Amino acid sequence: MIDLNDIRPVTDFNRDTKAYIKRLKKTGRPEVLTVNGQAEVVVQSAKAYQKLLEAAGLADSLAAIRQGTKEIHEGKGRPMREFLEELANQHGFSLK
């Protein structure tokens, strides 16, 4: 969630960019910049952005695991050995 205290006009950002960057690094929170009172962009530190990307990647992985588990319980899928043999045949190598 964005804190209402983290919504600021882009003109303020332009006037004192260094202070903004310092605050973004210190708090780790994103800020919304507005133009004519309308939200236009979100800015955040590179470290906070990387953390966000990692969390999104983890969420995607967990969703895929849940989907796979659901399919297994529904009887979908096939034995691992069968899959590996097919893969080996497609790429011209042997599992033996």
PDB file of N, CA and C in Angstrom:
ATOM      1  N   MET A   1       0.833  -1.181   0.000  1.00  0.00           N
ATOM      2  CA  MET A   1       0.000   0.000   0.000  1.00  0.00           C
ATOM      3  C   MET A   1       0.878   1.245   0.000  1.00  0.00           C
ATOM      4  N   ILE A   2       0.386   2.259  -0.643  1.00  0.00           N
ATOM      5  CA  ILE A   2       1.075   3.545  -0.669  1.00  0.00           C
ATOM      6  C   ILE A   2       0.506   4.402   0.449  1.00  0.00           C
ATOM      7  N   ASP A   3       1.397   4.933   1.253  1.00  0.00           N
ATOM      8  CA  ASP A   3       1.013   5.846   2.325  1.00  0.00           C
ATOM      9  C   ASP A   3       0.653   7.195   1.702  1.00  0.00           C
ATOM     10  N   LEU A   4      -0.415   7.817   2.162  1.00  0.00           N
ATOM     11  CA  LEU A   4      -0.814   9.125   1.620  1.00  0.00           C
ATOM     12  C   LEU A   4       0.271  10.177   1.795  1.00  0.00           C
ATOM     13  N   ASN A   5       1.162   9.967   2.762  1.00  0.00           N
ATOM     14  CA  ASN A   5       2.285  10.894   2.947  1.00  0.00           C
ATOM     15  C   ASN A   5       3.351  10.719   1.871  1.00  0.00           C
ATOM     16  N   ASP A   6       3.241   9.658   1.078  1.00  0.00           N
ATOM     17  CA  ASP A   6       4.226   9.379   0.037  1.00  0.00           C
ATOM     18  C   ASP A   6       3.719   9.763  -1.352  1.00  0.00           C
ATOM     19  N   ILE A   7       2.776  10.687  -1.411  1.00  0.00           N
ATOM     20  CA  ILE A   7       2.263  11.210  -2.677  1.00  0.00           C
ATOM     21  C   ILE A   7       2.687  12.669  -2.758  1.00  0.00           C
ATOM     22  N   ARG A   8       3.444  12.977  -3.800  1.00  0.00           N
ATOM     23  CA  ARG A   8       4.027  14.321  -3.906  1.00  0.00           C
ATOM     24  C   ARG A   8       4.011  14.808  -5.358  1.00  0.00           C
ATOM     25  N   PRO A   9       4.013  16.107  -5.544  1.00  0.00           N
ATOM     26  CA  PRO A   9       4.039  16.657  -6.904  1.00  0.00           C
ATOM     27  C   PRO A   9       5.400  16.434  -7.571  1.00  0.00           C
ATOM     28  N   VAL A  10       5.361  16.165  -8.861  1.00  0.00           N
ATOM     29  CA  VAL A  10       6.598  15.948  -9.608  1.00  0.00           C
ATOM     30  C   VAL A  10       7.475  17.206  -9.586  1.00  0.00           C
ATOM     31  N   THR A  11       6.876  18.374  -9.464  1.00  0.00           N
ATOM     32  CA  THR A  11       7.678  19.606  -9.414  1.00  0.00           C
ATOM     33  C   THR A  11       8.577  19.621  -8.176  1.00  0.00           C
ATOM     34  N   ASP A  12       8.075  19.097  -7.041  1.00  0.00           N
ATOM     35  CA  ASP A  12       8.917  18.999  -5.840  1.00  0.00           C
ATOM     36  C   ASP A  12      10.086  18.054  -6.086  1.00  0.00           C
ATOM     37  N   PHE A  13       9.807  16.944  -6.752  1.00  0.00           N
ATOM     38  CA  PHE A  13      10.851  15.974  -7.078  1.00  0.00           C
ATOM     39  C   PHE A  13      11.915  16.635  -7.954  1.00  0.00           C
ATOM     40  N   ASN A  14      11.472  17.390  -8.942  1.00  0.00           N
ATOM     41  CA  ASN A  14      12.412  18.067  -9.843  1.00  0.00           C
ATOM     42  C   ASN A  14      13.248  19.111  -9.114  1.00  0.00           C
ATOM     43  N   ARG A  15      12.665  19.804  -8.146  1.00  0.00           N
ATOM     44  CA  ARG A  15      13.380  20.842  -7.400  1.00  0.00           C
ATOM     45  C   ARG A  15      14.466  20.279  -6.495  1.00  0.00           C
ATOM     46  N   ASP A  16      14.209  19.111  -5.904  1.00  0.00           N
ATOM     47  CA  ASP A  16      15.151  18.583  -4.918  1.00  0.00           C
ATOM     48  C   ASP A  16      15.331  17.069  -5.077  1.00  0.00           C
ATOM     49  N   THR A  17      15.792  16.688  -6.253  1.00  0.00           N
ATOM     50  CA  THR A  17      15.953  15.276  -6.586  1.00  0.00           C
ATOM     51  C   THR A  17      16.866  14.554  -5.601  1.00  0.00           C
ATOM     52  N   LYS A  18      17.954  15.188  -5.213  1.00  0.00           N
ATOM     53  CA  LYS A  18      18.906  14.544  -4.294  1.00  0.00           C
ATOM     54  C   LYS A  18      18.246  14.180  -2.970  1.00  0.00           C
ATOM     55  N   ALA A  19      17.428  15.071  -2.440  1.00  0.00           N
ATOM     56  CA  ALA A  19      16.732  14.789  -1.178  1.00  0.00           C
ATOM     57  C   ALA A  19      15.738  13.644  -1.357  1.00  0.00           C
ATOM     58  N   TYR A  20      15.070  13.606  -2.489  1.00  0.00           N
ATOM     59  CA  TYR A  20      14.134  12.517  -2.771  1.00  0.00           C
ATOM     60  C   TYR A  20      14.868  11.183  -2.796  1.00  0.00           C
ATOM     61  N   ILE A  21      15.973  11.139  -3.526  1.00  0.00           N
ATOM     62  CA  ILE A  21      16.734   9.894  -3.632  1.00  0.00           C
ATOM     63  C   ILE A  21      17.216   9.444  -2.256  1.00  0.00           C
ATOM     64  N   LYS A  22      17.681  10.382  -1.465  1.00  0.00           N
ATOM     65  CA  LYS A  22      18.137  10.050  -0.113  1.00  0.00           C
ATOM     66  C   LYS A  22      16.988   9.465   0.718  1.00  0.00           C
ATOM     67  N   ARG A  23      15.811  10.086   0.631  1.00  0.00           N
ATOM     68  CA  ARG A  23      14.654   9.613   1.388  1.00  0.00           C
ATOM     69  C   ARG A  23      14.202   8.237   0.885  1.00  0.00           C
ATOM     70  N   LEU A  24      14.185   8.044  -0.432  1.00  0.00           N
ATOM     71  CA  LEU A  24      13.777   6.762  -1.002  1.00  0.00           C
ATOM     72  C   LEU A  24      14.697   5.634  -0.530  1.00  0.00           C
ATOM     73  N   LYS A  25      15.994   5.913  -0.499  1.00  0.00           N
ATOM     74  CA  LYS A  25      16.949   4.905  -0.028  1.00  0.00           C
ATOM     75  C   LYS A  25      16.758   4.619   1.455  1.00  0.00           C
ATOM     76  N   LYS A  26      16.512   5.679   2.225  1.00  0.00           N
ATOM     77  CA  LYS A  26      16.389   5.523   3.678  1.00  0.00           C
ATOM     78  C   LYS A  26      15.119   4.761   4.057  1.00  0.00           C
ATOM     79  N   THR A  27      13.987   5.125   3.456  1.00  0.00           N
ATOM     80  CA  THR A  27      12.715   4.515   3.857  1.00  0.00           C
ATOM     81  C   THR A  27      12.452   3.182   3.164  1.00  0.00           C
ATOM     82  N   GLY A  28      12.956   3.030   1.943  1.00  0.00           N
ATOM     83  CA  GLY A  28      12.673   1.827   1.174  1.00  0.00           C
ATOM     84  C   GLY A  28      11.257   1.792   0.623  1.00  0.00           C
ATOM     85  N   ARG A  29      10.496   2.858   0.859  1.00  0.00           N
ATOM     86  CA  ARG A  29       9.108   2.924   0.393  1.00  0.00           C
ATOM     87  C   ARG A  29       9.037   3.648  -0.955  1.00  0.00           C
ATOM     88  N   PRO A  30       8.112   3.245  -1.805  1.00  0.00           N
ATOM     89  CA  PRO A  30       7.908   3.968  -3.061  1.00  0.00           C
ATOM     90  C   PRO A  30       7.149   5.265  -2.800  1.00  0.00           C
ATOM     91  N   GLU A  31       7.268   6.186  -3.736  1.00  0.00           N
ATOM     92  CA  GLU A  31       6.506   7.428  -3.669  1.00  0.00           C
ATOM     93  C   GLU A  31       5.792   7.643  -4.995  1.00  0.00           C
ATOM     94  N   VAL A  32       4.592   8.181  -4.919  1.00  0.00           N
ATOM     95  CA  VAL A  32       3.816   8.495  -6.106  1.00  0.00           C
ATOM     96  C   VAL A  32       4.052   9.964  -6.437  1.00  0.00           C
ATOM     97  N   LEU A  33       4.384  10.234  -7.693  1.00  0.00           N
ATOM     98  CA  LEU A  33       4.554  11.619  -8.141  1.00  0.00           C
ATOM     99  C   LEU A  33       3.347  11.994  -8.979  1.00  0.00           C
ATOM    100  N   THR A  34       2.834  13.178  -8.714  1.00  0.00           N
ATOM    101  CA  THR A  34       1.630  13.635  -9.403  1.00  0.00           C
ATOM    102  C   THR A  34       1.941  14.763 -10.371  1.00  0.00           C
ATOM    103  N   VAL A  35       1.107  14.879 -11.390  1.00  0.00           N
ATOM    104  CA  VAL A  35       1.138  15.993 -12.336  1.00  0.00           C
ATOM    105  C   VAL A  35      -0.283  16.525 -12.382  1.00  0.00           C
ATOM    106  N   ASN A  36      -0.423  17.799 -12.057  1.00  0.00           N
ATOM    107  CA  ASN A  36      -1.750  18.427 -12.000  1.00  0.00           C
ATOM    108  C   ASN A  36      -2.701  17.650 -11.093  1.00  0.00           C
ATOM    109  N   GLY A  37      -2.179  17.154  -9.990  1.00  0.00           N
ATOM    110  CA  GLY A  37      -2.999  16.467  -9.000  1.00  0.00           C
ATOM    111  C   GLY A  37      -3.333  15.019  -9.320  1.00  0.00           C
ATOM    112  N   GLN A  38      -2.863  14.522 -10.455  1.00  0.00           N
ATOM    113  CA  GLN A  38      -3.146  13.137 -10.856  1.00  0.00           C
ATOM    114  C   GLN A  38      -1.881  12.285 -10.735  1.00  0.00           C
ATOM    115  N   ALA A  39      -2.027  11.092 -10.176  1.00  0.00           N
ATOM    116  CA  ALA A  39      -0.885  10.182 -10.060  1.00  0.00           C
ATOM    117  C   ALA A  39      -0.364   9.859 -11.453  1.00  0.00           C
ATOM    118  N   GLU A  40       0.950   9.990 -11.634  1.00  0.00           N
ATOM    119  CA  GLU A  40       1.563   9.742 -12.943  1.00  0.00           C
ATOM    120  C   GLU A  40       2.614   8.644 -12.902  1.00  0.00           C
ATOM    121  N   VAL A  41       3.496   8.697 -11.903  1.00  0.00           N
ATOM    122  CA  VAL A  41       4.573   7.701 -11.825  1.00  0.00           C
ATOM    123  C   VAL A  41       4.837   7.328 -10.373  1.00  0.00           C
ATOM    124  N   VAL A  42       5.452   6.163 -10.218  1.00  0.00           N
ATOM    125  CA  VAL A  42       5.894   5.710  -8.906  1.00  0.00           C
ATOM    126  C   VAL A  42       7.406   5.609  -8.977  1.00  0.00           C
ATOM    127  N   VAL A  43       8.086   6.161  -7.982  1.00  0.00           N
ATOM    128  CA  VAL A  43       9.544   6.067  -7.917  1.00  0.00           C
ATOM    129  C   VAL A  43       9.942   5.348  -6.635  1.00  0.00           C
ATOM    130  N   GLN A  44      11.029   4.603  -6.730  1.00  0.00           N
ATOM    131  CA  GLN A  44      11.551   3.933  -5.549  1.00  0.00           C
ATOM    132  C   GLN A  44      13.029   3.661  -5.760  1.00  0.00           C
ATOM    133  N   SER A  45      13.703   3.318  -4.679  1.00  0.00           N
ATOM    134  CA  SER A  45      15.123   3.036  -4.776  1.00  0.00           C
ATOM    135  C   SER A  45      15.337   1.740  -5.545  1.00  0.00           C
ATOM    136  N   ALA A  46      16.523   1.594  -6.118  1.00  0.00           N
ATOM    137  CA  ALA A  46      16.850   0.381  -6.861  1.00  0.00           C
ATOM    138  C   ALA A  46      16.817  -0.840  -5.945  1.00  0.00           C
ATOM    139  N   LYS A  47      17.278  -0.687  -4.713  1.00  0.00           N
ATOM    140  CA  LYS A  47      17.278  -1.799  -3.761  1.00  0.00           C
ATOM    141  C   LYS A  47      15.849  -2.252  -3.448  1.00  0.00           C
ATOM    142  N   ALA A  48      14.950  -1.308  -3.228  1.00  0.00           N
ATOM    143  CA  ALA A  48      13.555  -1.636  -2.947  1.00  0.00           C
ATOM    144  C   ALA A  48      12.899  -2.277  -4.162  1.00  0.00           C
ATOM    145  N   TYR A  49      13.259  -1.795  -5.353  1.00  0.00           N
ATOM    146  CA  TYR A  49      12.700  -2.363  -6.576  1.00  0.00           C
ATOM    147  C   TYR A  49      13.156  -3.813  -6.758  1.00  0.00           C
ATOM    148  N   GLN A  50      14.430  -4.077  -6.496  1.00  0.00           N
ATOM    149  CA  GLN A  50      14.949  -5.438  -6.601  1.00  0.00           C
ATOM    150  C   GLN A  50      14.221  -6.366  -5.628  1.00  0.00           C
ATOM    151  N   LYS A  51      13.990  -5.885  -4.418  1.00  0.00           N
ATOM    152  CA  LYS A  51      13.264  -6.670  -3.413  1.00  0.00           C
ATOM    153  C   LYS A  51      11.850  -6.979  -3.905  1.00  0.00           C
ATOM    154  N   LEU A  52      11.208  -6.003  -4.533  1.00  0.00           N
ATOM    155  CA  LEU A  52       9.873  -6.190  -5.086  1.00  0.00           C
ATOM    156  C   LEU A  52       9.879  -7.239  -6.197  1.00  0.00           C
ATOM    157  N   LEU A  53      10.882  -7.179  -7.080  1.00  0.00           N
ATOM    158  CA  LEU A  53      10.990  -8.164  -8.154  1.00  0.00           C
ATOM    159  C   LEU A  53      11.184  -9.567  -7.599  1.00  0.00           C
ATOM    160  N   GLU A  54      11.999  -9.690  -6.566  1.00  0.00           N
ATOM    161  CA  GLU A  54      12.227 -11.000  -5.956  1.00  0.00           C
ATOM    162  C   GLU A  54      10.944 -11.541  -5.329  1.00  0.00           C
ATOM    163  N   ALA A  55      10.188 -10.684  -4.666  1.00  0.00           N
ATOM    164  CA  ALA A  55       8.928 -11.106  -4.065  1.00  0.00           C
ATOM    165  C   ALA A  55       7.932 -11.530  -5.147  1.00  0.00           C
ATOM    166  N   ALA A  56       7.892 -10.794  -6.247  1.00  0.00           N
ATOM    167  CA  ALA A  56       6.990 -11.148  -7.349  1.00  0.00           C
ATOM    168  C   ALA A  56       7.405 -12.482  -7.964  1.00  0.00           C
ATOM    169  N   GLY A  57       8.697 -12.705  -8.110  1.00  0.00           N
ATOM    170  CA  GLY A  57       9.190 -13.976  -8.650  1.00  0.00           C
ATOM    171  C   GLY A  57       8.821 -15.136  -7.747  1.00  0.00           C
ATOM    172  N   LEU A  58       8.960 -14.933  -6.449  1.00  0.00           N
ATOM    173  CA  LEU A  58       8.594 -15.972  -5.490  1.00  0.00           C
ATOM    174  C   LEU A  58       7.093 -16.260  -5.566  1.00  0.00           C
ATOM    175  N   ALA A  59       6.289 -15.219  -5.669  1.00  0.00           N
ATOM    176  CA  ALA A  59       4.835 -15.403  -5.774  1.00  0.00           C
ATOM    177  C   ALA A  59       4.482 -16.187  -7.034  1.00  0.00           C
ATOM    178  N   ASP A  60       5.149 -15.883  -8.140  1.00  0.00           N
ATOM    179  CA  ASP A  60       4.907 -16.621  -9.389  1.00  0.00           C
ATOM    180  C   ASP A  60       5.283 -18.093  -9.231  1.00  0.00           C
ATOM    181  N   SER A  61       6.422 -18.359  -8.585  1.00  0.00           N
ATOM    182  CA  SER A  61       6.865 -19.743  -8.374  1.00  0.00           C
ATOM    183  C   SER A  61       5.874 -20.497  -7.499  1.00  0.00           C
ATOM    184  N   LEU A  62       5.413 -19.870  -6.434  1.00  0.00           N
ATOM    185  CA  LEU A  62       4.450 -20.522  -5.544  1.00  0.00           C
ATOM    186  C   LEU A  62       3.135 -20.811  -6.268  1.00  0.00           C
ATOM    187  N   ALA A  63       2.702 -19.900  -7.113  1.00  0.00           N
ATOM    188  CA  ALA A  63       1.472 -20.119  -7.876  1.00  0.00           C
ATOM    189  C   ALA A  63       1.638 -21.307  -8.826  1.00  0.00           C
ATOM    190  N   ALA A  64       2.802 -21.416  -9.461  1.00  0.00           N
ATOM    191  CA  ALA A  64       3.056 -22.538 -10.369  1.00  0.00           C
ATOM    192  C   ALA A  64       3.099 -23.858  -9.605  1.00  0.00           C
ATOM    193  N   ILE A  65       3.699 -23.857  -8.420  1.00  0.00           N
ATOM    194  CA  ILE A  65       3.750 -25.064  -7.591  1.00  0.00           C
ATOM    195  C   ILE A  65       2.339 -25.467  -7.171  1.00  0.00           C
ATOM    196  N   ARG A  66       1.533 -24.492  -6.751  1.00  0.00           N
ATOM    197  CA  ARG A  66       0.146 -24.787  -6.372  1.00  0.00           C
ATOM    198  C   ARG A  66      -0.633 -25.386  -7.543  1.00  0.00           C
ATOM    199  N   GLN A  67      -0.439 -24.808  -8.730  1.00  0.00           N
ATOM    200  CA  GLN A  67      -1.140 -25.306  -9.917  1.00  0.00           C
ATOM    201  C   GLN A  67      -0.693 -26.733 -10.223  1.00  0.00           C
ATOM    202  N   GLY A  68       0.594 -27.000 -10.151  1.00  0.00           N
ATOM    203  CA  GLY A  68       1.107 -28.347 -10.398  1.00  0.00           C
ATOM    204  C   GLY A  68       0.577 -29.341  -9.389  1.00  0.00           C
ATOM    205  N   THR A  69       0.548 -28.951  -8.135  1.00  0.00           N
ATOM    206  CA  THR A  69       0.016 -29.823  -7.075  1.00  0.00           C
ATOM    207  C   THR A  69      -1.456 -30.125  -7.325  1.00  0.00           C
ATOM    208  N   LYS A  70      -2.202 -29.113  -7.718  1.00  0.00           N
ATOM    209  CA  LYS A  70      -3.631 -29.297  -8.015  1.00  0.00           C
ATOM    210  C   LYS A  70      -3.808 -30.292  -9.163  1.00  0.00           C
ATOM    211  N   GLU A  71      -2.998 -30.144 -10.202  1.00  0.00           N
ATOM    212  CA  GLU A  71      -3.104 -31.042 -11.355  1.00  0.00           C
ATOM    213  C   GLU A  71      -2.743 -32.474 -10.981  1.00  0.00           C
ATOM    214  N   ILE A  72      -1.769 -32.646 -10.114  1.00  0.00           N
ATOM    215  CA  ILE A  72      -1.407 -33.986  -9.654  1.00  0.00           C
ATOM    216  C   ILE A  72      -2.590 -34.617  -8.933  1.00  0.00           C
ATOM    217  N   HIS A  73      -3.219 -33.859  -8.051  1.00  0.00           N
ATOM    218  CA  HIS A  73      -4.367 -34.369  -7.302  1.00  0.00           C
ATOM    219  C   HIS A  73      -5.560 -34.666  -8.210  1.00  0.00           C
ATOM    220  N   GLU A  74      -5.625 -33.991  -9.341  1.00  0.00           N
ATOM    221  CA  GLU A  74      -6.700 -34.232 -10.307  1.00  0.00           C
ATOM    222  C   GLU A  74      -6.373 -35.390 -11.246  1.00  0.00           C
ATOM    223  N   GLY A  75      -5.203 -35.990 -11.053  1.00  0.00           N
ATOM    224  CA  GLY A  75      -4.811 -37.125 -11.882  1.00  0.00           C
ATOM    225  C   GLY A  75      -4.179 -36.733 -13.203  1.00  0.00           C
ATOM    226  N   LYS A  76      -3.854 -35.487 -13.354  1.00  0.00           N
ATOM    227  CA  LYS A  76      -3.197 -35.030 -14.579  1.00  0.00           C
ATOM    228  C   LYS A  76      -1.697 -35.265 -14.423  1.00  0.00           C
ATOM    229  N   GLY A  77      -0.997 -35.258 -15.500  1.00  0.00           N
ATOM    230  CA  GLY A  77       0.448 -35.456 -15.455  1.00  0.00           C
ATOM    231  C   GLY A  77       0.810 -36.863 -15.884  1.00  0.00           C
ATOM    232  N   ARG A  78       2.095 -37.185 -15.764  1.00  0.00           N
ATOM    233  CA  ARG A  78       2.579 -38.510 -16.150  1.00  0.00           C
ATOM    234  C   ARG A  78       3.839 -38.820 -15.370  1.00  0.00           C
ATOM    235  N   PRO A  79       4.235 -40.061 -15.373  1.00  0.00           N
ATOM    236  CA  PRO A  79       5.432 -40.430 -14.611  1.00  0.00           C
ATOM    237  C   PRO A  79       6.684 -39.694 -15.115  1.00  0.00           C
ATOM    238  N   MET A  80       7.561 -39.364 -14.201  1.00  0.00           N
ATOM    239  CA  MET A  80       8.782 -38.633 -14.522  1.00  0.00           C
ATOM    240  C   MET A  80       9.630 -39.395 -15.535  1.00  0.00           C
ATOM    241  N   ARG A  81       9.760 -40.703 -15.344  1.00  0.00           N
ATOM    242  CA  ARG A  81      10.593 -41.511 -16.244  1.00  0.00           C
ATOM    243  C   ARG A  81      10.085 -41.399 -17.685  1.00  0.00           C
ATOM    244  N   GLU A  82       8.780 -41.448 -17.851  1.00  0.00           N
ATOM    245  CA  GLU A  82       8.184 -41.332 -19.188  1.00  0.00           C
ATOM    246  C   GLU A  82       8.550 -39.986 -19.818  1.00  0.00           C
ATOM    247  N   PHE A  83       8.430 -38.937 -19.042  1.00  0.00           N
ATOM    248  CA  PHE A  83       8.772 -37.601 -19.539  1.00  0.00           C
ATOM    249  C   PHE A  83      10.247 -37.514 -19.920  1.00  0.00           C
ATOM    250  N   LEU A  84      11.111 -38.021 -19.050  1.00  0.00           N
ATOM    251  CA  LEU A  84      12.549 -37.947 -19.316  1.00  0.00           C
ATOM    252  C   LEU A  84      12.940 -38.744 -20.553  1.00  0.00           C
ATOM    253  N   GLU A  85      12.322 -39.908 -20.742  1.00  0.00           N
ATOM    254  CA  GLU A  85      12.609 -40.701 -21.935  1.00  0.00           C
ATOM    255  C   GLU A  85      12.181 -39.956 -23.196  1.00  0.00           C
ATOM    256  N   GLU A  86      11.022 -39.333 -23.157  1.00  0.00           N
ATOM    257  CA  GLU A  86      10.564 -38.553 -24.310  1.00  0.00           C
ATOM    258  C   GLU A  86      11.517 -37.388 -24.591  1.00  0.00           C
ATOM    259  N   LEU A  87      11.934 -36.724 -23.559  1.00  0.00           N
ATOM    260  CA  LEU A  87      12.860 -35.607 -23.708  1.00  0.00           C
ATOM    261  C   LEU A  87      14.183 -36.076 -24.301  1.00  0.00           C
ATOM    262  N   ALA A  88      14.686 -37.188 -23.795  1.00  0.00           N
ATOM    263  CA  ALA A  88      15.944 -37.739 -24.303  1.00  0.00           C
ATOM    264  C   ALA A  88      15.819 -38.094 -25.780  1.00  0.00           C
ATOM    265  N   ASN A  89      14.703 -38.719 -26.155  1.00  0.00           N
ATOM    266  CA  ASN A  89      14.484 -39.079 -27.559  1.00  0.00           C
ATOM    267  C   ASN A  89      14.418 -37.850 -28.454  1.00  0.00           C
ATOM    268  N   GLN A  90      13.774 -36.796 -27.987  1.00  0.00           N
ATOM    269  CA  GLN A  90      13.652 -35.562 -28.770  1.00  0.00           C
ATOM    270  C   GLN A  90      15.016 -34.936 -29.029  1.00  0.00           C
ATOM    271  N   HIS A  91      15.939 -35.119 -28.079  1.00  0.00           N
ATOM    272  CA  HIS A  91      17.244 -34.460 -28.194  1.00  0.00           C
ATOM    273  C   HIS A  91      18.365 -35.444 -28.545  1.00  0.00           C
ATOM    274  N   GLY A  92      17.986 -36.663 -28.865  1.00  0.00           N
ATOM    275  CA  GLY A  92      18.945 -37.629 -29.372  1.00  0.00           C
ATOM    276  C   GLY A  92      19.958 -38.147 -28.381  1.00  0.00           C
ATOM    277  N   PHE A  93      19.575 -38.359 -27.151  1.00  0.00           N
ATOM    278  CA  PHE A  93      20.495 -38.976 -26.190  1.00  0.00           C
ATOM    279  C   PHE A  93      19.777 -40.054 -25.397  1.00  0.00           C
ATOM    280  N   SER A  94      20.571 -40.871 -24.733  1.00  0.00           N
ATOM    281  CA  SER A  94      20.035 -41.998 -23.999  1.00  0.00           C
ATOM    282  C   SER A  94      20.129 -41.754 -22.500  1.00  0.00           C
ATOM    283  N   LEU A  95      19.188 -42.281 -21.763  1.00  0.00           N
ATOM    284  CA  LEU A  95      19.212 -42.157 -20.299  1.00  0.00           C
ATOM    285  C   LEU A  95      19.973 -43.299 -19.644  1.00  0.00           C
ATOM    286  N   LYS A  96      20.388 -44.284 -20.425  1.00  0.00           N
ATOM    287  CA  LYS A  96      21.048 -45.470 -19.879  1.00  0.00           C
ATOM    288  C   LYS A  96      22.492 -45.243 -19.605  1.00  0.00           C
TER     289      LYS A  96
END
